[in-house]
Amino acid sequence: MMSAVIPVLAVLVNSLVMAEDGTCSTRYGFDIDLPGSSCADIYYKNPESHGKSGYYVIKTGHLFFAYCDMELECGGTKGGWMRIADIDTRRGDQCPSGWVKSSQHHSCKSNYNGAGCYSTIFDTLSTSYNKMCGKIIGYQKGSMDGFYPSARAHGRFTGNYLPDIMSKSLDGVYVDGISVTIGSPRKHVWTYAVGLSDDYNYLGFNCPCAKYPGPDPPVFVHDHYYCESGNNGEYEIDKLYTEDPLWDGAGCLYENSCCYQPGMPWFYRQFPKPENGYIEVRICRDQGYYDEDVTLEQLELYVK
């Protein structure tokens, strides 16, 4: 055992350097011989990393390089964020597994046209974290219904609609929009809901924050959600509303508070205990693609 530990200690001691202020800093996280346990671990232990976003060496059972954002400030905490996903279709990025480019736009949609939730998985590489930060920007297509369950709305079940029981669970279609969860069984992180209209009275189909409010989210969502509509009037079934991106904090009309939620467009969650599960992002709709959908243009996820 001693022969395995001594070389590591020797490398650590020899890597100490003096910073300008006289304090000790290291090549911790920069060198393959000195991996950190996370981006946050490197940020807090090595002042040399501050303001230097890029790839660092991390070991969590296995050695790998991770992109650490040492400048991002989210939820009042700055630096040490490990990037899990960074997709922007405006710069030509490909859609992740399970999603494809929309025929109407450069943004991503699910690769199946029926009602349901369609996911893609992002690996956190067994990194332990208790904070998550992210941003999603998307677009509304057709008759998205916010948090309104399909069977209550339509009073029937066909191949193009889902029964009401599927709308009451985190595992079901509880929203028309995007669901962000951790692991299995799923733990809710954030929901991006899409209401039918920001400004037109569609009773139960709008966002809770719309001029004519729709229903509140299920209890398991709590207040961890954003909701917006890309449509400011009467809806059109096959229209993709590219004029007003969703959840970007802009484009809402008078008497609508959906664009003025704290933190928007970024979400932030702090968990009561460390997590290390994968992150799942699901595109959900309770009707088929020809009636409604949401597409994603930007997706960023970070853990700490």
Protein backbone atom coordinates (compact mmCIF):
# COMPACT_ATOMS: atom_id res chain seq x y z
CA MET A 1 0.00 0.00 0.00
CA MET A 2 2.78 2.46 0.88
CA SER A 3 4.47 1.98 -2.50
CA ALA A 4 1.23 3.03 -4.24
CA VAL A 5 0.68 6.12 -2.09
CA ILE A 6 4.17 7.60 -1.93
CA PRO A 7 4.56 8.43 -5.63
CA VAL A 8 1.23 10.25 -5.58
CA LEU A 9 2.24 12.28 -2.55
CA ALA A 10 5.57 13.11 -4.18
CA VAL A 11 3.85 14.38 -7.32
CA LEU A 12 1.49 16.50 -5.23
CA VAL A 13 4.28 18.07 -3.17
CA ASN A 14 6.43 18.78 -6.22
CA SER A 15 3.52 20.48 -7.98
CA LEU A 16 3.08 23.20 -5.36
CA VAL A 17 3.81 26.71 -6.61
CA MET A 18 3.54 30.11 -5.02
CA ALA A 19 0.93 32.50 -6.36
CA GLU A 20 1.58 36.24 -6.50
CA ASP A 21 -0.27 36.78 -3.23
CA GLY A 22 1.93 34.25 -1.45
CA THR A 23 -0.66 31.49 -1.16
CA CYS A 24 -0.12 27.95 -2.42
CA SER A 25 -1.74 26.75 -5.62
CA THR A 26 -1.24 23.58 -7.68
CA ARG A 27 -1.65 22.06 -11.11
CA TYR A 28 -4.60 20.21 -9.53
CA GLY A 29 -7.06 19.34 -12.30
CA PHE A 30 -4.68 20.48 -15.06
CA ASP A 31 -2.42 17.42 -15.07
CA ILE A 32 -3.40 13.81 -15.62
CA ASP A 33 -1.43 12.88 -12.48
CA LEU A 34 -3.53 15.28 -10.38
CA PRO A 35 -7.19 14.75 -11.30
CA GLY A 36 -9.94 16.49 -9.37
CA SER A 37 -13.08 14.72 -8.23
CA SER A 38 -15.31 17.32 -9.95
CA CYS A 39 -15.17 20.73 -11.59
CA ALA A 40 -16.26 22.28 -8.28
CA ASP A 41 -13.49 20.40 -6.44
CA ILE A 42 -10.91 21.85 -8.84
CA TYR A 43 -12.40 25.35 -8.64
CA TYR A 44 -12.32 25.46 -4.84
CA LYS A 45 -8.94 23.78 -4.36
CA ASN A 46 -7.00 25.42 -7.18
CA PRO A 47 -7.21 29.21 -7.60
CA GLU A 48 -5.28 28.83 -10.86
CA SER A 49 -8.51 27.56 -12.43
CA HIS A 50 -10.53 30.70 -11.72
CA GLY A 51 -11.71 32.40 -14.89
CA LYS A 52 -10.22 29.62 -17.04
CA SER A 53 -13.09 27.61 -18.51
CA GLY A 54 -12.03 24.56 -20.50
CA TYR A 55 -11.30 20.84 -20.24
CA TYR A 56 -9.96 19.52 -16.93
CA VAL A 57 -8.89 16.10 -15.67
CA ILE A 58 -11.44 14.43 -13.39
CA LYS A 59 -11.52 11.01 -11.76
CA THR A 60 -14.71 9.40 -10.45
CA GLY A 61 -13.80 5.71 -10.54
CA HIS A 62 -12.33 6.29 -13.99
CA LEU A 63 -10.28 9.10 -15.50
CA PHE A 64 -11.83 11.49 -18.03
CA PHE A 65 -11.72 15.04 -19.33
CA ALA A 66 -14.72 17.28 -18.65
CA TYR A 67 -15.52 20.80 -19.72
CA CYS A 68 -15.60 22.98 -16.60
CA ASP A 69 -17.15 26.42 -16.78
CA MET A 70 -15.14 28.43 -14.26
CA GLU A 71 -17.00 31.69 -15.01
CA LEU A 72 -20.69 30.74 -15.12
CA GLU A 73 -22.74 32.19 -12.27
CA CYS A 74 -26.05 30.45 -11.62
CA GLY A 75 -28.21 30.46 -8.50
CA GLY A 76 -25.75 32.81 -6.83
CA THR A 77 -22.84 30.39 -7.15
CA LYS A 78 -19.99 31.05 -9.57
CA GLY A 79 -17.48 28.73 -11.19
CA GLY A 80 -16.93 24.98 -10.92
CA TRP A 81 -19.84 23.97 -13.17
CA MET A 82 -19.41 20.74 -15.16
CA ARG A 83 -21.01 20.92 -18.60
CA ILE A 84 -23.29 17.98 -19.35
CA ALA A 85 -24.91 19.23 -22.55
CA ASP A 86 -24.39 22.14 -24.94
CA ILE A 87 -26.53 22.00 -28.08
CA ASP A 88 -27.33 24.97 -30.32
CA THR A 89 -28.84 24.08 -33.69
CA ARG A 90 -28.30 27.64 -34.96
CA ARG A 91 -24.59 26.84 -35.27
CA GLY A 92 -25.29 23.53 -36.98
CA ASP A 93 -25.17 21.19 -33.98
CA GLN A 94 -26.75 17.79 -34.51
CA CYS A 95 -29.76 16.65 -32.49
CA PRO A 96 -29.03 14.14 -29.71
CA SER A 97 -30.12 10.52 -29.87
CA GLY A 98 -33.90 10.12 -29.97
CA TRP A 99 -34.51 13.48 -31.64
CA VAL A 100 -34.27 14.65 -35.25
CA LYS A 101 -34.25 18.00 -37.08
CA SER A 102 -37.70 19.43 -37.76
CA SER A 103 -38.71 19.61 -41.43
CA GLN A 104 -40.06 23.11 -40.72
CA HIS A 105 -37.04 24.50 -38.89
CA HIS A 106 -33.44 23.78 -37.89
CA SER A 107 -34.51 22.90 -34.32
CA CYS A 108 -34.87 19.38 -32.84
CA LYS A 109 -38.07 17.40 -32.39
CA SER A 110 -38.87 13.85 -31.29
CA ASN A 111 -38.38 11.14 -33.91
CA TYR A 112 -41.90 9.74 -33.37
CA ASN A 113 -45.15 11.43 -34.39
CA GLY A 114 -47.60 9.97 -31.87
CA ALA A 115 -48.68 11.32 -28.49
CA GLY A 116 -46.28 10.63 -25.62
CA CYS A 117 -42.91 11.60 -24.14
CA TYR A 118 -39.69 11.04 -26.08
CA SER A 119 -36.40 11.28 -24.26
CA THR A 120 -32.70 11.71 -24.66
CA ILE A 121 -30.22 10.82 -21.91
CA PHE A 122 -27.15 12.77 -20.78
CA ASP A 123 -24.49 10.93 -18.78
CA THR A 124 -23.04 12.68 -15.71
CA LEU A 125 -20.12 10.18 -15.62
CA SER A 126 -20.83 9.23 -11.99
CA THR A 127 -19.96 12.75 -10.84
CA SER A 128 -21.53 13.67 -7.51
CA TYR A 129 -23.52 16.92 -7.55
CA ASN A 130 -26.17 18.72 -5.53
CA LYS A 131 -26.78 21.68 -7.85
CA MET A 132 -28.02 21.85 -11.42
CA CYS A 133 -28.25 24.77 -13.82
CA GLY A 134 -29.63 24.84 -17.33
CA LYS A 135 -31.31 26.64 -20.18
CA ILE A 136 -33.71 25.50 -22.90
CA ILE A 137 -35.00 27.62 -25.78
CA GLY A 138 -37.64 26.16 -28.09
CA TYR A 139 -40.63 26.80 -30.33
CA GLN A 140 -44.33 25.98 -30.21
CA LYS A 141 -46.14 24.08 -32.94
CA GLY A 142 -49.93 24.03 -33.07
CA SER A 143 -52.22 23.43 -30.11
CA MET A 144 -49.97 22.88 -27.08
CA ASP A 145 -52.08 22.74 -23.90
CA GLY A 146 -49.81 23.63 -20.96
CA PHE A 147 -50.64 21.52 -17.90
CA TYR A 148 -54.13 20.49 -19.03
CA PRO A 149 -54.66 16.68 -19.15
CA SER A 150 -55.91 15.38 -22.48
CA ALA A 151 -58.85 13.25 -21.34
CA ARG A 152 -60.37 16.10 -19.32
CA ALA A 153 -59.99 18.38 -22.31
CA HIS A 154 -61.36 16.05 -24.99
CA GLY A 155 -63.53 13.59 -23.08
CA ARG A 156 -62.33 10.62 -25.11
CA PHE A 157 -59.40 8.33 -25.84
CA THR A 158 -58.26 7.50 -29.37
CA GLY A 159 -54.92 6.60 -30.85
CA ASN A 160 -54.11 10.30 -31.08
CA TYR A 161 -54.91 11.16 -27.46
CA LEU A 162 -53.69 9.79 -24.15
CA PRO A 163 -55.93 8.69 -21.26
CA ASP A 164 -56.14 10.96 -18.23
CA ILE A 165 -54.22 8.52 -15.98
CA MET A 166 -51.10 9.24 -18.05
CA SER A 167 -51.32 12.91 -17.12
CA LYS A 168 -51.09 12.53 -13.35
CA SER A 169 -47.61 11.04 -13.00
CA LEU A 170 -44.07 12.30 -13.51
CA ASP A 171 -43.62 9.22 -15.72
CA GLY A 172 -46.60 10.20 -17.86
CA VAL A 173 -47.55 13.12 -20.10
CA TYR A 174 -48.26 15.64 -17.33
CA VAL A 175 -47.34 18.58 -19.57
CA ASP A 176 -47.22 19.69 -23.16
CA GLY A 177 -43.58 20.77 -23.24
CA ILE A 178 -40.24 19.61 -21.85
CA SER A 179 -39.54 17.59 -18.69
CA VAL A 180 -36.08 17.48 -17.08
CA THR A 181 -35.50 14.67 -14.56
CA ILE A 182 -32.70 12.77 -12.81
CA GLY A 183 -32.18 9.01 -12.79
CA SER A 184 -34.57 6.10 -12.29
CA PRO A 185 -37.02 6.31 -10.63
CA ARG A 186 -37.31 9.80 -12.04
CA LYS A 187 -36.80 12.84 -9.81
CA HIS A 188 -38.26 16.06 -11.10
CA VAL A 189 -35.82 18.89 -11.79
CA TRP A 190 -37.55 21.39 -14.08
CA THR A 191 -40.49 21.62 -16.48
CA TYR A 192 -40.75 23.84 -19.55
CA ALA A 193 -44.48 24.05 -20.34
CA VAL A 194 -46.08 25.45 -23.51
CA GLY A 195 -49.49 27.11 -23.25
CA LEU A 196 -51.93 27.49 -26.11
CA SER A 197 -51.90 31.30 -26.23
CA ASP A 198 -50.36 34.18 -24.29
CA ASP A 199 -53.21 36.59 -24.99
CA TYR A 200 -56.33 34.68 -26.17
CA ASN A 201 -58.89 33.22 -23.78
CA TYR A 202 -58.51 29.48 -24.16
CA LEU A 203 -59.73 28.67 -20.64
CA GLY A 204 -57.84 25.62 -19.33
CA PHE A 205 -55.20 25.40 -22.05
CA ASN A 206 -53.04 28.44 -21.26
CA CYS A 207 -50.11 28.89 -18.89
CA PRO A 208 -50.85 29.76 -15.25
CA CYS A 209 -49.08 33.10 -15.88
CA ALA A 210 -51.01 34.00 -19.07
CA LYS A 211 -53.46 36.89 -19.37
CA TYR A 212 -56.22 34.29 -19.20
CA PRO A 213 -54.61 31.77 -16.82
CA GLY A 214 -54.70 28.03 -17.25
CA PRO A 215 -54.38 25.42 -14.47
CA ASP A 216 -51.44 25.12 -12.11
CA PRO A 217 -48.91 22.30 -12.56
CA PRO A 218 -49.09 18.98 -10.69
CA VAL A 219 -47.88 19.08 -7.10
CA PHE A 220 -44.62 17.25 -7.91
CA VAL A 221 -43.61 20.13 -10.20
CA HIS A 222 -44.08 22.67 -7.39
CA ASP A 223 -42.79 26.06 -8.62
CA HIS A 224 -39.89 24.53 -10.56
CA TYR A 225 -41.11 25.38 -14.04
CA TYR A 226 -41.35 28.00 -16.77
CA CYS A 227 -44.39 28.29 -19.00
CA GLU A 228 -44.87 30.39 -22.12
CA SER A 229 -46.69 30.36 -25.44
CA GLY A 230 -45.22 31.34 -28.79
CA ASN A 231 -48.71 32.24 -29.96
CA ASN A 232 -50.31 35.59 -29.11
CA GLY A 233 -53.73 35.00 -30.70
CA GLU A 234 -55.84 32.17 -32.07
CA TYR A 235 -53.81 29.06 -32.81
CA GLU A 236 -53.13 27.32 -36.11
CA ILE A 237 -52.74 23.54 -36.02
CA ASP A 238 -49.71 23.11 -38.29
CA LYS A 239 -47.95 26.40 -37.59
CA LEU A 240 -44.50 26.48 -36.00
CA TYR A 241 -44.31 29.81 -34.15
CA THR A 242 -40.71 30.79 -34.85
CA GLU A 243 -41.35 34.52 -34.33
CA ASP A 244 -41.42 34.17 -30.53
CA PRO A 245 -38.94 31.69 -28.97
CA LEU A 246 -40.13 30.01 -25.78
CA TRP A 247 -38.70 30.55 -22.28
CA ASP A 248 -36.26 33.27 -23.37
CA GLY A 249 -37.78 35.95 -21.12
CA ALA A 250 -39.11 38.02 -24.02
CA GLY A 251 -42.14 38.42 -26.29
CA CYS A 252 -45.01 38.38 -23.79
CA LEU A 253 -47.85 40.86 -24.16
CA TYR A 254 -49.53 43.18 -21.65
CA GLU A 255 -51.09 41.50 -18.58
CA ASN A 256 -48.96 38.38 -19.12
CA SER A 257 -46.21 37.61 -16.58
CA CYS A 258 -44.78 34.48 -18.23
CA CYS A 259 -41.64 36.29 -19.43
CA TYR A 260 -40.78 37.74 -16.03
CA GLN A 261 -39.98 34.71 -13.91
CA PRO A 262 -36.89 34.97 -11.65
CA GLY A 263 -33.76 33.57 -13.27
CA MET A 264 -35.25 33.16 -16.74
CA PRO A 265 -33.96 31.89 -19.14
CA TRP A 266 -31.81 29.84 -16.72
CA PHE A 267 -33.20 27.38 -14.19
CA TYR A 268 -31.41 26.49 -10.97
CA ARG A 269 -32.00 23.65 -8.52
CA GLN A 270 -30.22 22.72 -5.30
CA PHE A 271 -30.90 19.23 -3.97
CA PRO A 272 -31.01 18.19 -0.29
CA LYS A 273 -28.39 15.48 -0.80
CA PRO A 274 -25.80 14.64 -3.49
CA GLU A 275 -26.99 13.04 -6.72
CA ASN A 276 -25.04 11.13 -9.36
CA GLY A 277 -27.75 9.93 -11.74
CA TYR A 278 -28.05 10.60 -15.45
CA ILE A 279 -30.15 13.52 -16.70
CA GLU A 280 -33.16 12.79 -18.91
CA VAL A 281 -34.81 15.43 -21.10
CA ARG A 282 -38.23 14.48 -22.52
CA ILE A 283 -40.29 16.14 -25.24
CA CYS A 284 -43.93 15.57 -24.20
CA ARG A 285 -47.29 16.12 -25.92
CA ASP A 286 -50.71 14.57 -25.27
CA GLN A 287 -51.67 14.70 -28.96
CA GLY A 288 -49.83 13.68 -32.10
CA TYR A 289 -47.28 15.76 -34.00
CA TYR A 290 -49.80 16.91 -36.58
CA ASP A 291 -51.81 18.65 -33.84
CA GLU A 292 -49.02 19.97 -31.62
CA ASP A 293 -45.35 19.79 -30.72
CA VAL A 294 -42.39 21.65 -29.25
CA THR A 295 -38.96 21.84 -30.88
CA LEU A 296 -35.64 22.66 -29.17
CA GLU A 297 -33.08 25.10 -30.51
CA GLN A 298 -30.81 25.47 -27.48
CA LEU A 299 -30.08 23.12 -24.60
CA GLU A 300 -27.43 23.66 -21.91
CA LEU A 301 -27.05 21.61 -18.73
CA TYR A 302 -24.48 21.95 -15.92
CA VAL A 303 -24.01 20.23 -12.56
CA LYS A 304 -21.98 21.14 -9.50
